[in-house]
Amino acid sequence: MNELLDVVKVKARSDFKLELEFENGERRLFDMAPIMDKKPFTRLKESNLFLAARVAYGTVVWPGNIDIAPETLYDRSIPLDG
């Protein structure tokens, strides 16, 4: 189990992927596509709401009180090169 790392930057892409930067400087890519049909994430498909992702409280959040745990983002993401 990794130590809990806060997300410090996020860029949401139109292909339902998140480019993330964690507090340790690591940049990682998280693919949300496999969970976009699960609640509450289904709402993010409406009118490009997914692209409104921002960082708050050390994780990624969206309007409507939707968020995802930072440990999930880290554990299920892959390193980004460069």
C-alpha atoms as a PDB file:
ATOM      1  CA  MET A   1       0.000   0.000   0.000  1.00  0.00           C
ATOM      2  CA  ASN A   2       1.370   3.368  -1.006  1.00  0.00           C
ATOM      3  CA  GLU A   3       1.421   6.326   1.302  1.00  0.00           C
ATOM      4  CA  LEU A   4      -1.528   8.606   0.691  1.00  0.00           C
ATOM      5  CA  LEU A   5      -0.493  11.191  -1.876  1.00  0.00           C
ATOM      6  CA  ASP A   6      -2.487  14.314  -2.620  1.00  0.00           C
ATOM      7  CA  VAL A   7      -3.282  15.333  -6.171  1.00  0.00           C
ATOM      8  CA  VAL A   8      -1.911  18.802  -6.902  1.00  0.00           C
ATOM      9  CA  LYS A   9      -2.839  19.187 -10.601  1.00  0.00           C
ATOM     10  CA  VAL A  10      -5.388  17.636 -12.946  1.00  0.00           C
ATOM     11  CA  LYS A  11      -6.119  17.962 -16.648  1.00  0.00           C
ATOM     12  CA  ALA A  12      -9.283  16.226 -17.856  1.00  0.00           C
ATOM     13  CA  ARG A  13      -9.193  14.984 -21.437  1.00  0.00           C
ATOM     14  CA  SER A  14     -12.153  14.435 -23.740  1.00  0.00           C
ATOM     15  CA  ASP A  15     -11.377  10.677 -23.858  1.00  0.00           C
ATOM     16  CA  PHE A  16     -12.269  10.382 -20.127  1.00  0.00           C
ATOM     17  CA  LYS A  17      -8.643  10.237 -19.045  1.00  0.00           C
ATOM     18  CA  LEU A  18      -7.148  12.375 -16.286  1.00  0.00           C
ATOM     19  CA  GLU A  19      -3.595  13.647 -16.435  1.00  0.00           C
ATOM     20  CA  LEU A  20      -2.584  13.900 -12.794  1.00  0.00           C
ATOM     21  CA  GLU A  21       0.286  15.328 -10.821  1.00  0.00           C
ATOM     22  CA  PHE A  22       0.803  14.166  -7.250  1.00  0.00           C
ATOM     23  CA  GLU A  23       2.513  15.996  -4.406  1.00  0.00           C
ATOM     24  CA  ASN A  24       5.661  13.868  -4.839  1.00  0.00           C
ATOM     25  CA  GLY A  25       6.038  15.252  -8.388  1.00  0.00           C
ATOM     26  CA  GLU A  26       4.875  12.080 -10.129  1.00  0.00           C
ATOM     27  CA  ARG A  27       2.754  12.545 -13.242  1.00  0.00           C
ATOM     28  CA  ARG A  28       0.276   9.757 -13.945  1.00  0.00           C
ATOM     29  CA  LEU A  29      -2.592   8.943 -16.306  1.00  0.00           C
ATOM     30  CA  PHE A  30      -5.897   7.608 -14.956  1.00  0.00           C
ATOM     31  CA  ASP A  31      -8.482   6.151 -17.346  1.00  0.00           C
ATOM     32  CA  MET A  32     -12.016   6.873 -16.101  1.00  0.00           C
ATOM     33  CA  ALA A  33     -13.703   5.171 -19.090  1.00  0.00           C
ATOM     34  CA  PRO A  34     -14.209   1.809 -17.288  1.00  0.00           C
ATOM     35  CA  ILE A  35     -16.145   3.482 -14.447  1.00  0.00           C
ATOM     36  CA  MET A  36     -18.085   6.119 -16.387  1.00  0.00           C
ATOM     37  CA  ASP A  37     -21.195   3.900 -16.399  1.00  0.00           C
ATOM     38  CA  LYS A  38     -21.200   3.625 -12.602  1.00  0.00           C
ATOM     39  CA  LYS A  39     -22.883   6.097 -10.266  1.00  0.00           C
ATOM     40  CA  PRO A  40     -22.137   8.885  -9.554  1.00  0.00           C
ATOM     41  CA  PHE A  41     -19.804   9.152 -12.550  1.00  0.00           C
ATOM     42  CA  THR A  42     -22.585   8.665 -15.147  1.00  0.00           C
ATOM     43  CA  ARG A  43     -23.494  12.327 -14.562  1.00  0.00           C
ATOM     44  CA  LEU A  44     -20.066  13.387 -15.824  1.00  0.00           C
ATOM     45  CA  LYS A  45     -20.984  12.345 -19.366  1.00  0.00           C
ATOM     46  CA  GLU A  46     -23.589  15.115 -19.534  1.00  0.00           C
ATOM     47  CA  SER A  47     -22.619  18.289 -21.404  1.00  0.00           C
ATOM     48  CA  ASN A  48     -18.861  17.848 -20.965  1.00  0.00           C
ATOM     49  CA  LEU A  49     -19.097  17.991 -17.169  1.00  0.00           C
ATOM     50  CA  PHE A  50     -16.114  15.621 -17.051  1.00  0.00           C
ATOM     51  CA  LEU A  51     -13.911  18.419 -18.384  1.00  0.00           C
ATOM     52  CA  ALA A  52     -14.784  20.561 -15.333  1.00  0.00           C
ATOM     53  CA  ALA A  53     -12.499  18.446 -13.122  1.00  0.00           C
ATOM     54  CA  ARG A  54     -10.451  20.402 -10.609  1.00  0.00           C
ATOM     55  CA  VAL A  55      -8.314  19.719  -7.554  1.00  0.00           C
ATOM     56  CA  ALA A  56      -9.759  20.229  -4.067  1.00  0.00           C
ATOM     57  CA  TYR A  57      -9.018  18.571  -0.737  1.00  0.00           C
ATOM     58  CA  GLY A  58      -6.084  16.690  -2.284  1.00  0.00           C
ATOM     59  CA  THR A  59      -8.137  14.873  -4.894  1.00  0.00           C
ATOM     60  CA  VAL A  60     -10.109  15.400  -8.110  1.00  0.00           C
ATOM     61  CA  VAL A  61     -13.616  16.830  -7.786  1.00  0.00           C
ATOM     62  CA  TRP A  62     -16.431  17.812 -10.145  1.00  0.00           C
ATOM     63  CA  PRO A  63     -19.527  19.991  -9.734  1.00  0.00           C
ATOM     64  CA  GLY A  64     -22.386  18.228  -7.979  1.00  0.00           C
ATOM     65  CA  ASN A  65     -20.297  16.837  -5.103  1.00  0.00           C
ATOM     66  CA  ILE A  66     -18.650  14.166  -7.257  1.00  0.00           C
ATOM     67  CA  ASP A  67     -15.128  13.105  -6.340  1.00  0.00           C
ATOM     68  CA  ILE A  68     -12.808  10.124  -6.465  1.00  0.00           C
ATOM     69  CA  ALA A  69     -10.386   8.909  -3.799  1.00  0.00           C
ATOM     70  CA  PRO A  70      -6.763   9.960  -4.344  1.00  0.00           C
ATOM     71  CA  GLU A  71      -5.530   6.451  -3.506  1.00  0.00           C
ATOM     72  CA  THR A  72      -7.747   5.055  -6.278  1.00  0.00           C
ATOM     73  CA  LEU A  73      -6.347   7.611  -8.697  1.00  0.00           C
ATOM     74  CA  TYR A  74      -2.792   6.665  -7.776  1.00  0.00           C
ATOM     75  CA  ASP A  75      -3.169   2.899  -7.546  1.00  0.00           C
ATOM     76  CA  ARG A  76      -5.077   2.543 -10.831  1.00  0.00           C
ATOM     77  CA  SER A  77      -3.058   4.994 -12.914  1.00  0.00           C
ATOM     78  CA  ILE A  78       0.024   4.558 -15.057  1.00  0.00           C
ATOM     79  CA  PRO A  79       3.131   6.757 -15.072  1.00  0.00           C
ATOM     80  CA  LEU A  80       3.286   9.488 -17.710  1.00  0.00           C
ATOM     81  CA  ASP A  81       6.616   9.855 -19.443  1.00  0.00           C
ATOM     82  CA  GLY A  82       8.242  13.274 -19.507  1.00  0.00           C
END
